[in-house]
Amino acid sequence: MVVRFFFFFLLVVTDMAIKEGHRNVDPKGVIYLPYLHKWNPYCNLDELLTFMSNIFSDDPPVYRKPEPQSQPLLPPMPVARDMSSPRA
């Protein structure tokens, strides 16, 4: 008997993050789905991708990270000039 295990991982780009506590994806990106645990010779990737699409469209495992808030630029400070001396 040959036992094969498949692991699927979710890889995120730099401005995305995995939702904390997602029921189908752990913090390292490992995907957990009933279809994967019940994999048998009659299962196929087309069905798996359809299943994943349905699950993840209802509850997306990733989100876009908020952009860092930039500090507002302060207006330049006025420069004090000596008004007592005449200008040339």
Protein backbone atom coordinates (compact mmCIF):
# COMPACT_ATOMS: atom_id res chain seq x y z
CA MET A 1 0.00 0.00 0.00
CA VAL A 2 1.36 3.39 -1.00
CA VAL A 3 0.44 6.34 1.18
CA ARG A 4 0.94 9.78 -0.29
CA PHE A 5 0.60 13.02 1.56
CA PHE A 6 0.08 16.31 -0.15
CA PHE A 7 0.83 19.63 1.42
CA PHE A 8 -0.35 22.88 -0.05
CA PHE A 9 1.01 26.21 1.07
CA LEU A 10 -0.27 29.72 0.69
CA LEU A 11 2.51 32.14 -0.26
CA VAL A 12 1.81 35.81 0.26
CA VAL A 13 3.43 38.84 -1.31
CA THR A 14 5.04 41.55 0.82
CA ASP A 15 1.95 43.77 1.11
CA MET A 16 -0.33 40.87 2.09
CA ALA A 17 -0.68 38.83 5.28
CA ILE A 18 -2.41 35.63 6.37
CA LYS A 19 -5.47 36.19 8.56
CA GLU A 20 -4.76 35.27 12.14
CA GLY A 21 -6.86 32.32 13.30
CA HIS A 22 -8.10 31.34 9.83
CA ARG A 23 -9.73 27.92 10.05
CA ASN A 24 -8.15 26.56 6.84
CA VAL A 25 -4.69 28.19 6.80
CA ASP A 26 -2.18 28.25 9.63
CA PRO A 27 0.19 31.20 10.28
CA LYS A 28 2.94 29.55 8.19
CA GLY A 29 0.61 29.20 5.19
CA VAL A 30 -0.15 25.46 5.42
CA ILE A 31 -3.61 24.81 3.95
CA TYR A 32 -5.91 22.40 5.79
CA LEU A 33 -8.97 21.16 3.92
CA PRO A 34 -11.16 18.05 4.31
CA TYR A 35 -10.60 17.25 0.64
CA LEU A 36 -6.84 16.97 1.24
CA HIS A 37 -7.24 14.72 4.29
CA LYS A 38 -9.59 12.40 2.42
CA TRP A 39 -7.40 12.24 -0.69
CA ASN A 40 -7.78 8.96 -2.56
CA PRO A 41 -7.06 7.67 -6.10
CA TYR A 42 -10.35 9.18 -7.33
CA CYS A 43 -9.50 12.71 -6.21
CA ASN A 44 -8.02 15.17 -8.67
CA LEU A 45 -6.52 18.65 -8.78
CA ASP A 46 -9.44 20.12 -10.70
CA GLU A 47 -11.86 19.20 -7.89
CA LEU A 48 -9.35 20.38 -5.28
CA LEU A 49 -8.97 23.79 -6.93
CA THR A 50 -12.75 24.15 -7.24
CA PHE A 51 -13.12 23.25 -3.56
CA MET A 52 -10.39 25.71 -2.55
CA SER A 53 -11.94 28.45 -4.68
CA ASN A 54 -15.33 27.96 -3.01
CA ILE A 55 -13.89 27.88 0.51
CA PHE A 56 -11.54 30.85 0.07
CA SER A 57 -14.07 33.02 -1.75
CA ASP A 58 -16.39 32.70 1.27
CA ASP A 59 -13.62 33.33 3.79
CA PRO A 60 -10.42 34.73 2.22
CA PRO A 61 -7.31 33.65 4.14
CA VAL A 62 -5.31 36.77 3.28
CA TYR A 63 -5.70 40.52 3.56
CA ARG A 64 -3.78 43.56 2.40
CA LYS A 65 -1.58 45.04 5.12
CA PRO A 66 -2.43 48.64 5.95
CA GLU A 67 -0.02 51.13 4.47
CA PRO A 68 2.21 52.78 7.07
CA GLN A 69 0.94 56.18 8.12
CA SER A 70 3.36 58.85 7.04
CA GLN A 71 3.98 61.74 9.39
CA PRO A 72 2.52 64.98 8.07
CA LEU A 73 5.17 67.45 7.05
CA LEU A 74 5.31 70.48 9.29
CA PRO A 75 5.30 73.85 7.60
CA PRO A 76 8.67 75.60 7.65
CA MET A 77 9.29 77.79 10.65
CA PRO A 78 9.31 81.54 9.88
CA VAL A 79 12.76 83.05 9.81
CA ALA A 80 13.20 86.10 12.04
CA ARG A 81 14.85 89.02 10.35
CA ASP A 82 16.48 91.98 12.00
CA MET A 83 14.22 94.85 10.97
CA SER A 84 16.29 97.54 12.77
CA SER A 85 19.08 97.75 10.23
CA PRO A 86 18.40 99.39 6.86
CA ARG A 87 18.61 97.28 3.74
CA ALA A 88 21.17 98.18 1.18
